[in-house]
């Protein structure tokens, strides 16, 4: 299985979030080449600001392994993690973070903040940008364009 394959799975999850009127972000945790867990944004549905795709996938992976450490696991996510999610990635000791689209407003894996690459912290995952970038960015743009158009129409 390739990075493209797992990011495609994350994109399908992002589409599910889109259909629920959530910001379309999907995440997959992979361990030894197998999907361990997945998640998509549900913070609006659940009225919980912590229910980002990454947090859901990390929690489920920790439950599956019965361990708060995800050493040797990779996280595939369609949009660059925020500060909260980046902190969870560091604490979980995720090996690699494979990111579709950058987040130029709140990205915390090097774009705006650099939590995952901060040399002061005790763990720094490898960060890979750009896998399925165009598809990830297009879905996000479609979502926010719909939101702006709805606001103009008074919907």
N, C-alpha and C. Protein backbone atom coordinates (compact mmCIF):
# COMPACT_ATOMS: atom_id res chain seq x y z
N UNK A 1 0.84 -1.18 0.00
CA UNK A 1 0.00 0.00 0.00
C UNK A 1 0.89 1.24 0.00
N UNK A 2 0.43 2.25 -0.70
CA UNK A 2 1.22 3.47 -0.85
C UNK A 2 0.60 4.63 -0.08
N UNK A 3 1.37 5.72 0.03
CA UNK A 3 0.84 6.93 0.66
C UNK A 3 -0.39 7.43 -0.09
N UNK A 4 -0.37 7.33 -1.42
CA UNK A 4 -1.54 7.73 -2.22
C UNK A 4 -2.78 6.93 -1.85
N UNK A 5 -2.62 5.63 -1.65
CA UNK A 5 -3.74 4.77 -1.29
C UNK A 5 -4.37 5.21 0.03
N UNK A 6 -3.55 5.42 1.04
CA UNK A 6 -4.08 5.79 2.35
C UNK A 6 -4.66 7.21 2.36
N UNK A 7 -4.04 8.11 1.59
CA UNK A 7 -4.59 9.46 1.51
C UNK A 7 -5.93 9.45 0.77
N UNK A 8 -6.08 8.56 -0.19
CA UNK A 8 -7.37 8.42 -0.88
C UNK A 8 -8.45 8.01 0.13
N UNK A 9 -8.11 7.12 1.05
CA UNK A 9 -9.05 6.73 2.11
C UNK A 9 -9.41 7.95 2.97
N UNK A 10 -8.42 8.77 3.30
CA UNK A 10 -8.68 9.97 4.09
C UNK A 10 -9.59 10.94 3.31
N UNK A 11 -9.39 11.04 2.02
CA UNK A 11 -10.25 11.90 1.20
C UNK A 11 -11.70 11.43 1.20
N UNK A 12 -11.93 10.13 1.15
CA UNK A 12 -13.29 9.59 1.20
C UNK A 12 -13.95 9.96 2.53
N UNK A 13 -13.17 9.94 3.60
CA UNK A 13 -13.69 10.35 4.91
C UNK A 13 -14.00 11.84 4.94
N UNK A 14 -13.15 12.64 4.31
CA UNK A 14 -13.40 14.09 4.23
C UNK A 14 -14.70 14.36 3.49
N UNK A 15 -14.98 13.58 2.47
CA UNK A 15 -16.24 13.73 1.73
C UNK A 15 -17.44 13.44 2.63
N UNK A 16 -17.30 12.48 3.53
CA UNK A 16 -18.38 12.19 4.48
C UNK A 16 -18.62 13.39 5.39
N UNK A 17 -17.54 14.02 5.85
CA UNK A 17 -17.67 15.22 6.67
C UNK A 17 -18.39 16.32 5.88
N UNK A 18 -18.02 16.48 4.63
CA UNK A 18 -18.64 17.48 3.76
C UNK A 18 -20.15 17.28 3.70
N UNK A 19 -20.58 16.03 3.55
CA UNK A 19 -22.01 15.72 3.46
C UNK A 19 -22.75 16.03 4.76
N UNK A 20 -22.03 16.06 5.86
CA UNK A 20 -22.62 16.39 7.17
C UNK A 20 -22.49 17.87 7.50
N UNK A 21 -22.06 18.67 6.53
CA UNK A 21 -21.86 20.10 6.70
C UNK A 21 -20.75 20.41 7.70
N UNK A 22 -19.78 19.53 7.77
CA UNK A 22 -18.58 19.73 8.58
C UNK A 22 -17.45 20.16 7.66
N UNK A 23 -16.47 20.86 8.18
CA UNK A 23 -15.29 21.17 7.37
C UNK A 23 -14.72 19.83 6.91
N UNK A 24 -14.53 19.66 5.60
CA UNK A 24 -14.18 18.34 5.07
C UNK A 24 -12.72 17.94 5.30
N UNK A 25 -12.50 17.32 6.44
CA UNK A 25 -11.18 16.79 6.78
C UNK A 25 -11.36 15.33 7.17
N UNK A 26 -10.49 14.49 6.63
CA UNK A 26 -10.49 13.08 6.97
C UNK A 26 -9.10 12.67 7.42
N UNK A 27 -9.04 11.66 8.29
CA UNK A 27 -7.76 11.19 8.82
C UNK A 27 -7.77 9.68 8.97
N UNK A 28 -6.62 9.09 8.73
CA UNK A 28 -6.45 7.64 8.85
C UNK A 28 -5.15 7.38 9.58
N UNK A 29 -5.18 6.49 10.59
CA UNK A 29 -3.97 6.05 11.26
C UNK A 29 -3.62 4.67 10.72
N UNK A 30 -2.38 4.54 10.27
CA UNK A 30 -1.90 3.30 9.67
C UNK A 30 -0.74 2.77 10.50
N UNK A 31 -0.78 1.48 10.78
CA UNK A 31 0.28 0.84 11.55
C UNK A 31 0.71 -0.43 10.81
N UNK A 32 1.97 -0.50 10.48
CA UNK A 32 2.53 -1.66 9.76
C UNK A 32 1.77 -1.96 8.47
N UNK A 33 1.39 -0.91 7.76
CA UNK A 33 0.75 -1.06 6.46
C UNK A 33 -0.74 -1.36 6.50
N UNK A 34 -1.33 -1.34 7.69
CA UNK A 34 -2.76 -1.62 7.80
C UNK A 34 -3.47 -0.45 8.49
N UNK A 35 -4.69 -0.18 8.04
CA UNK A 35 -5.48 0.89 8.67
C UNK A 35 -5.89 0.44 10.06
N UNK A 36 -5.51 1.24 11.04
CA UNK A 36 -5.83 0.95 12.44
C UNK A 36 -7.10 1.68 12.85
N UNK A 37 -7.26 2.91 12.35
CA UNK A 37 -8.44 3.70 12.71
C UNK A 37 -8.62 4.82 11.69
N UNK A 38 -9.77 5.46 11.80
CA UNK A 38 -10.06 6.58 10.90
C UNK A 38 -10.99 7.55 11.61
N UNK A 39 -11.09 8.74 11.03
CA UNK A 39 -11.99 9.74 11.57
C UNK A 39 -12.23 10.84 10.56
N UNK A 40 -13.29 11.57 10.78
CA UNK A 40 -13.57 12.77 9.98
C UNK A 40 -14.17 13.80 10.92
N UNK A 41 -14.08 15.07 10.53
CA UNK A 41 -14.55 16.14 11.40
C UNK A 41 -16.01 15.92 11.81
N UNK A 42 -16.26 16.10 13.11
CA UNK A 42 -17.62 15.96 13.65
C UNK A 42 -17.88 16.98 14.74
N UNK A 43 -17.07 18.03 14.82
CA UNK A 43 -17.21 18.97 15.94
C UNK A 43 -18.54 19.72 15.92
N UNK A 44 -19.07 20.04 14.76
CA UNK A 44 -20.37 20.73 14.72
C UNK A 44 -21.50 19.78 15.08
N UNK A 45 -21.44 18.59 14.53
CA UNK A 45 -22.47 17.59 14.81
C UNK A 45 -22.54 17.26 16.31
N UNK A 46 -21.38 17.14 16.93
CA UNK A 46 -21.31 16.72 18.33
C UNK A 46 -21.18 17.89 19.31
N UNK A 47 -21.19 19.13 18.77
CA UNK A 47 -21.02 20.31 19.62
C UNK A 47 -19.80 20.19 20.53
N UNK A 48 -18.68 19.80 19.90
CA UNK A 48 -17.45 19.56 20.65
C UNK A 48 -16.28 20.03 19.79
N UNK A 49 -15.60 21.09 20.21
CA UNK A 49 -14.51 21.62 19.40
C UNK A 49 -13.30 20.70 19.27
N UNK A 50 -13.26 19.64 20.07
CA UNK A 50 -12.12 18.72 19.97
C UNK A 50 -12.36 17.57 18.99
N UNK A 51 -13.51 17.49 18.40
CA UNK A 51 -13.83 16.36 17.53
C UNK A 51 -13.35 16.56 16.09
N UNK A 52 -12.06 16.88 15.97
CA UNK A 52 -11.41 16.97 14.67
C UNK A 52 -11.09 15.56 14.18
N UNK A 53 -10.95 15.42 12.89
CA UNK A 53 -10.66 14.12 12.28
C UNK A 53 -9.44 13.45 12.92
N UNK A 54 -8.39 14.24 13.14
CA UNK A 54 -7.16 13.67 13.69
C UNK A 54 -7.36 13.15 15.11
N UNK A 55 -8.06 13.92 15.93
CA UNK A 55 -8.28 13.52 17.32
C UNK A 55 -9.11 12.24 17.37
N UNK A 56 -10.14 12.17 16.56
CA UNK A 56 -10.99 10.97 16.52
C UNK A 56 -10.15 9.76 16.10
N UNK A 57 -9.36 9.91 15.04
CA UNK A 57 -8.54 8.79 14.56
C UNK A 57 -7.49 8.39 15.59
N UNK A 58 -6.86 9.37 16.24
CA UNK A 58 -5.86 9.07 17.26
C UNK A 58 -6.49 8.34 18.45
N UNK A 59 -7.63 8.83 18.92
CA UNK A 59 -8.30 8.17 20.05
C UNK A 59 -8.65 6.73 19.72
N UNK A 60 -9.20 6.52 18.54
CA UNK A 60 -9.59 5.16 18.14
C UNK A 60 -8.37 4.25 18.00
N UNK A 61 -7.28 4.78 17.49
CA UNK A 61 -6.05 3.98 17.35
C UNK A 61 -5.50 3.60 18.72
N UNK A 62 -5.51 4.55 19.64
CA UNK A 62 -5.05 4.25 21.00
C UNK A 62 -5.91 3.18 21.66
N UNK A 63 -7.22 3.27 21.44
CA UNK A 63 -8.12 2.24 21.98
C UNK A 63 -7.80 0.88 21.36
N UNK A 64 -7.57 0.85 20.05
CA UNK A 64 -7.30 -0.41 19.36
C UNK A 64 -6.00 -1.05 19.87
N UNK A 65 -5.01 -0.22 20.18
CA UNK A 65 -3.73 -0.75 20.67
C UNK A 65 -3.67 -0.84 22.18
N UNK A 66 -4.68 -0.33 22.86
CA UNK A 66 -4.69 -0.26 24.33
C UNK A 66 -3.39 0.40 24.83
N UNK A 67 -3.06 1.54 24.19
CA UNK A 67 -1.83 2.24 24.53
C UNK A 67 -1.98 3.70 24.09
N UNK A 68 -1.48 4.62 24.90
CA UNK A 68 -1.56 6.03 24.51
C UNK A 68 -0.45 6.42 23.53
N UNK A 69 0.47 5.52 23.26
CA UNK A 69 1.56 5.75 22.31
C UNK A 69 1.26 5.04 21.00
N UNK A 70 1.44 5.78 19.92
CA UNK A 70 1.24 5.22 18.58
C UNK A 70 2.58 5.14 17.85
N UNK A 71 3.58 4.69 18.58
CA UNK A 71 4.92 4.55 18.03
C UNK A 71 4.88 3.63 16.80
N UNK A 72 5.50 4.07 15.74
CA UNK A 72 5.53 3.28 14.51
C UNK A 72 4.31 3.46 13.62
N UNK A 73 3.39 4.32 14.03
CA UNK A 73 2.17 4.55 13.24
C UNK A 73 2.31 5.84 12.43
N UNK A 74 1.58 5.87 11.33
CA UNK A 74 1.52 7.04 10.47
C UNK A 74 0.12 7.61 10.49
N UNK A 75 0.02 8.94 10.33
CA UNK A 75 -1.27 9.61 10.25
C UNK A 75 -1.38 10.27 8.89
N UNK A 76 -2.43 9.94 8.16
CA UNK A 76 -2.75 10.57 6.88
C UNK A 76 -3.91 11.51 7.12
N UNK A 77 -3.75 12.77 6.73
CA UNK A 77 -4.81 13.75 6.98
C UNK A 77 -4.89 14.70 5.79
N UNK A 78 -6.11 15.04 5.41
CA UNK A 78 -6.32 15.81 4.19
C UNK A 78 -5.98 17.29 4.33
N UNK A 79 -5.97 17.81 5.55
CA UNK A 79 -5.62 19.22 5.79
C UNK A 79 -4.64 19.28 6.95
N UNK A 80 -3.70 20.19 6.85
CA UNK A 80 -2.68 20.35 7.89
C UNK A 80 -3.32 20.50 9.27
N UNK A 81 -2.86 19.72 10.24
CA UNK A 81 -3.41 19.79 11.59
C UNK A 81 -3.24 21.16 12.25
N UNK A 82 -4.23 21.49 13.10
CA UNK A 82 -4.19 22.70 13.91
C UNK A 82 -3.28 22.46 15.12
N UNK A 83 -3.15 23.46 15.97
CA UNK A 83 -2.29 23.36 17.15
C UNK A 83 -2.74 22.23 18.09
N UNK A 84 -4.05 22.11 18.30
CA UNK A 84 -4.57 21.07 19.18
C UNK A 84 -4.20 19.68 18.64
N UNK A 85 -4.45 19.47 17.37
CA UNK A 85 -4.19 18.16 16.77
C UNK A 85 -2.69 17.88 16.69
N UNK A 86 -1.91 18.91 16.38
CA UNK A 86 -0.45 18.74 16.33
C UNK A 86 0.09 18.34 17.70
N UNK A 87 -0.45 18.94 18.75
CA UNK A 87 -0.05 18.56 20.10
C UNK A 87 -0.36 17.11 20.40
N UNK A 88 -1.53 16.65 19.98
CA UNK A 88 -1.91 15.24 20.18
C UNK A 88 -0.99 14.32 19.38
N UNK A 89 -0.62 14.73 18.19
CA UNK A 89 0.29 13.94 17.35
C UNK A 89 1.63 13.76 18.05
N UNK A 90 2.15 14.85 18.61
CA UNK A 90 3.43 14.79 19.32
C UNK A 90 3.30 13.89 20.55
N UNK A 91 2.26 14.08 21.34
CA UNK A 91 2.09 13.28 22.56
C UNK A 91 1.88 11.80 22.25
N UNK A 92 1.23 11.50 21.14
CA UNK A 92 0.99 10.10 20.76
C UNK A 92 2.22 9.44 20.15
N UNK A 93 3.24 10.24 19.85
CA UNK A 93 4.50 9.73 19.26
C UNK A 93 4.29 9.13 17.87
N UNK A 94 3.40 9.75 17.10
CA UNK A 94 3.18 9.29 15.73
C UNK A 94 4.46 9.47 14.93
N UNK A 95 4.79 8.48 14.14
CA UNK A 95 6.05 8.46 13.39
C UNK A 95 6.09 9.46 12.23
N UNK A 96 5.05 9.38 11.39
CA UNK A 96 4.98 10.26 10.20
C UNK A 96 3.59 10.86 10.10
N UNK A 97 3.53 12.11 9.62
CA UNK A 97 2.26 12.77 9.33
C UNK A 97 2.29 13.14 7.86
N UNK A 98 1.36 12.56 7.10
CA UNK A 98 1.26 12.78 5.68
C UNK A 98 0.05 13.67 5.45
N UNK A 99 0.30 14.85 4.88
CA UNK A 99 -0.70 15.91 4.81
C UNK A 99 -1.04 16.22 3.37
N UNK A 100 -2.34 16.34 3.09
CA UNK A 100 -2.78 16.76 1.76
C UNK A 100 -2.52 18.24 1.55
N UNK A 101 -3.42 19.07 2.04
CA UNK A 101 -3.35 20.52 1.81
C UNK A 101 -2.80 21.26 3.03
N UNK A 102 -2.04 22.30 2.77
CA UNK A 102 -1.57 23.17 3.84
C UNK A 102 -2.74 23.99 4.36
N UNK A 103 -2.63 24.42 5.61
CA UNK A 103 -3.62 25.34 6.20
C UNK A 103 -2.90 26.65 6.47
N UNK A 104 -3.11 27.63 5.58
CA UNK A 104 -2.36 28.88 5.66
C UNK A 104 -2.85 29.81 6.77
N UNK A 105 -3.93 29.42 7.45
CA UNK A 105 -4.45 30.24 8.55
C UNK A 105 -4.16 29.64 9.93
N UNK A 106 -4.13 28.32 10.02
CA UNK A 106 -3.99 27.70 11.34
C UNK A 106 -3.12 26.44 11.35
N UNK A 107 -2.40 26.19 10.28
CA UNK A 107 -1.59 24.98 10.20
C UNK A 107 -0.46 24.98 11.23
N UNK A 108 -0.32 23.87 11.93
CA UNK A 108 0.68 23.78 13.01
C UNK A 108 1.75 22.73 12.76
N UNK A 109 1.94 22.40 11.48
CA UNK A 109 3.00 21.46 11.12
C UNK A 109 4.02 22.15 10.22
N UNK A 110 4.16 23.45 10.41
CA UNK A 110 5.17 24.20 9.69
C UNK A 110 4.67 25.38 8.89
N UNK A 111 3.38 25.43 8.58
CA UNK A 111 2.88 26.53 7.75
C UNK A 111 2.71 27.82 8.55
N UNK A 112 1.97 27.78 9.64
CA UNK A 112 1.79 28.96 10.50
C UNK A 112 2.58 28.76 11.80
N UNK A 113 2.36 27.65 12.43
CA UNK A 113 3.09 27.25 13.64
C UNK A 113 3.89 25.99 13.32
N UNK A 114 4.86 25.69 14.17
CA UNK A 114 5.64 24.47 13.94
C UNK A 114 5.69 23.64 15.22
N UNK A 115 4.54 23.14 15.61
CA UNK A 115 4.47 22.30 16.81
C UNK A 115 5.11 20.94 16.55
N UNK A 116 4.77 20.33 15.44
CA UNK A 116 5.31 18.99 15.15
C UNK A 116 6.81 18.99 14.92
N UNK A 117 7.36 20.10 14.49
CA UNK A 117 8.79 20.16 14.24
C UNK A 117 9.58 20.93 15.28
N UNK A 118 8.93 21.24 16.40
CA UNK A 118 9.57 22.04 17.43
C UNK A 118 10.67 21.25 18.13
N UNK A 119 11.88 21.72 18.05
CA UNK A 119 13.04 21.01 18.62
C UNK A 119 13.03 20.97 20.14
N UNK A 120 12.23 21.82 20.78
CA UNK A 120 12.13 21.84 22.24
C UNK A 120 11.33 20.63 22.74
N UNK A 121 10.41 20.14 21.92
CA UNK A 121 9.56 19.03 22.33
C UNK A 121 10.32 17.71 22.22
N UNK A 122 9.85 16.71 22.95
CA UNK A 122 10.57 15.44 23.02
C UNK A 122 10.29 14.49 21.85
N UNK A 123 9.40 14.86 20.95
CA UNK A 123 9.14 14.02 19.78
C UNK A 123 8.85 14.91 18.58
N UNK A 124 9.41 14.57 17.45
CA UNK A 124 9.18 15.30 16.21
C UNK A 124 8.88 14.29 15.10
N UNK A 125 7.63 14.19 14.70
CA UNK A 125 7.31 13.26 13.61
C UNK A 125 7.84 13.79 12.28
N UNK A 126 8.05 12.88 11.37
CA UNK A 126 8.39 13.28 10.00
C UNK A 126 7.12 13.86 9.38
N UNK A 127 7.24 14.97 8.69
CA UNK A 127 6.10 15.64 8.07
C UNK A 127 6.27 15.58 6.55
N UNK A 128 5.24 15.12 5.87
CA UNK A 128 5.25 15.04 4.41
C UNK A 128 4.02 15.78 3.90
N UNK A 129 4.25 16.82 3.11
CA UNK A 129 3.16 17.59 2.53
C UNK A 129 2.93 17.19 1.07
N UNK A 130 1.69 17.38 0.61
CA UNK A 130 1.41 17.37 -0.81
C UNK A 130 0.82 16.11 -1.41
N UNK A 131 0.63 15.05 -0.63
CA UNK A 131 0.01 13.84 -1.18
C UNK A 131 -1.47 14.13 -1.36
N UNK A 132 -1.95 14.05 -2.58
CA UNK A 132 -3.35 14.36 -2.94
C UNK A 132 -3.71 15.80 -2.56
N UNK A 133 -2.73 16.69 -2.70
CA UNK A 133 -2.91 18.10 -2.33
C UNK A 133 -4.05 18.75 -3.12
N UNK A 134 -4.05 18.57 -4.43
CA UNK A 134 -5.06 19.23 -5.27
C UNK A 134 -6.47 18.78 -4.91
N UNK A 135 -6.66 17.48 -4.71
CA UNK A 135 -7.98 16.95 -4.36
C UNK A 135 -8.42 17.44 -2.99
N UNK A 136 -7.49 17.45 -2.04
CA UNK A 136 -7.81 17.91 -0.68
C UNK A 136 -8.18 19.39 -0.69
N UNK A 137 -7.38 20.18 -1.38
CA UNK A 137 -7.64 21.63 -1.44
C UNK A 137 -8.95 21.92 -2.17
N UNK A 138 -9.23 21.18 -3.23
CA UNK A 138 -10.46 21.40 -4.00
C UNK A 138 -11.70 21.15 -3.15
N UNK A 139 -11.67 20.11 -2.34
CA UNK A 139 -12.82 19.80 -1.48
C UNK A 139 -13.02 20.91 -0.44
N UNK A 140 -11.94 21.39 0.14
CA UNK A 140 -12.03 22.48 1.11
C UNK A 140 -12.56 23.75 0.45
N UNK A 141 -12.06 24.07 -0.74
CA UNK A 141 -12.52 25.26 -1.46
C UNK A 141 -14.01 25.16 -1.79
N UNK A 142 -14.43 23.99 -2.22
CA UNK A 142 -15.85 23.78 -2.55
C UNK A 142 -16.72 24.03 -1.31
N UNK A 143 -16.30 23.50 -0.17
CA UNK A 143 -17.05 23.66 1.07
C UNK A 143 -17.18 25.14 1.45
N UNK A 144 -16.06 25.86 1.47
CA UNK A 144 -16.09 27.26 1.89
C UNK A 144 -16.78 28.15 0.87
N UNK A 145 -16.71 27.81 -0.40
CA UNK A 145 -17.44 28.56 -1.42
C UNK A 145 -18.94 28.42 -1.20
N UNK A 146 -19.39 27.20 -0.90
CA UNK A 146 -20.81 26.99 -0.59
C UNK A 146 -21.23 27.79 0.62
N UNK A 147 -20.39 27.84 1.64
CA UNK A 147 -20.70 28.61 2.85
C UNK A 147 -20.82 30.11 2.53
N UNK A 148 -19.87 30.61 1.76
CA UNK A 148 -19.92 32.04 1.39
C UNK A 148 -21.15 32.35 0.56
N UNK A 149 -21.47 31.50 -0.40
CA UNK A 149 -22.64 31.71 -1.24
C UNK A 149 -23.93 31.65 -0.44
N UNK A 150 -24.00 30.73 0.52
CA UNK A 150 -25.18 30.63 1.37
C UNK A 150 -25.34 31.89 2.23
N UNK A 151 -24.22 32.42 2.70
CA UNK A 151 -24.26 33.64 3.51
C UNK A 151 -24.74 34.83 2.69
N UNK A 152 -24.32 34.90 1.44
CA UNK A 152 -24.75 35.98 0.54
C UNK A 152 -26.24 35.90 0.27
N UNK A 153 -26.72 34.66 0.12
CA UNK A 153 -28.14 34.43 -0.19
C UNK A 153 -29.03 34.55 1.04
N UNK A 154 -28.41 34.64 2.21
CA UNK A 154 -29.17 34.73 3.45
C UNK A 154 -29.67 33.39 3.95
N UNK A 155 -29.11 32.31 3.43
CA UNK A 155 -29.53 30.96 3.84
C UNK A 155 -28.99 30.58 5.18
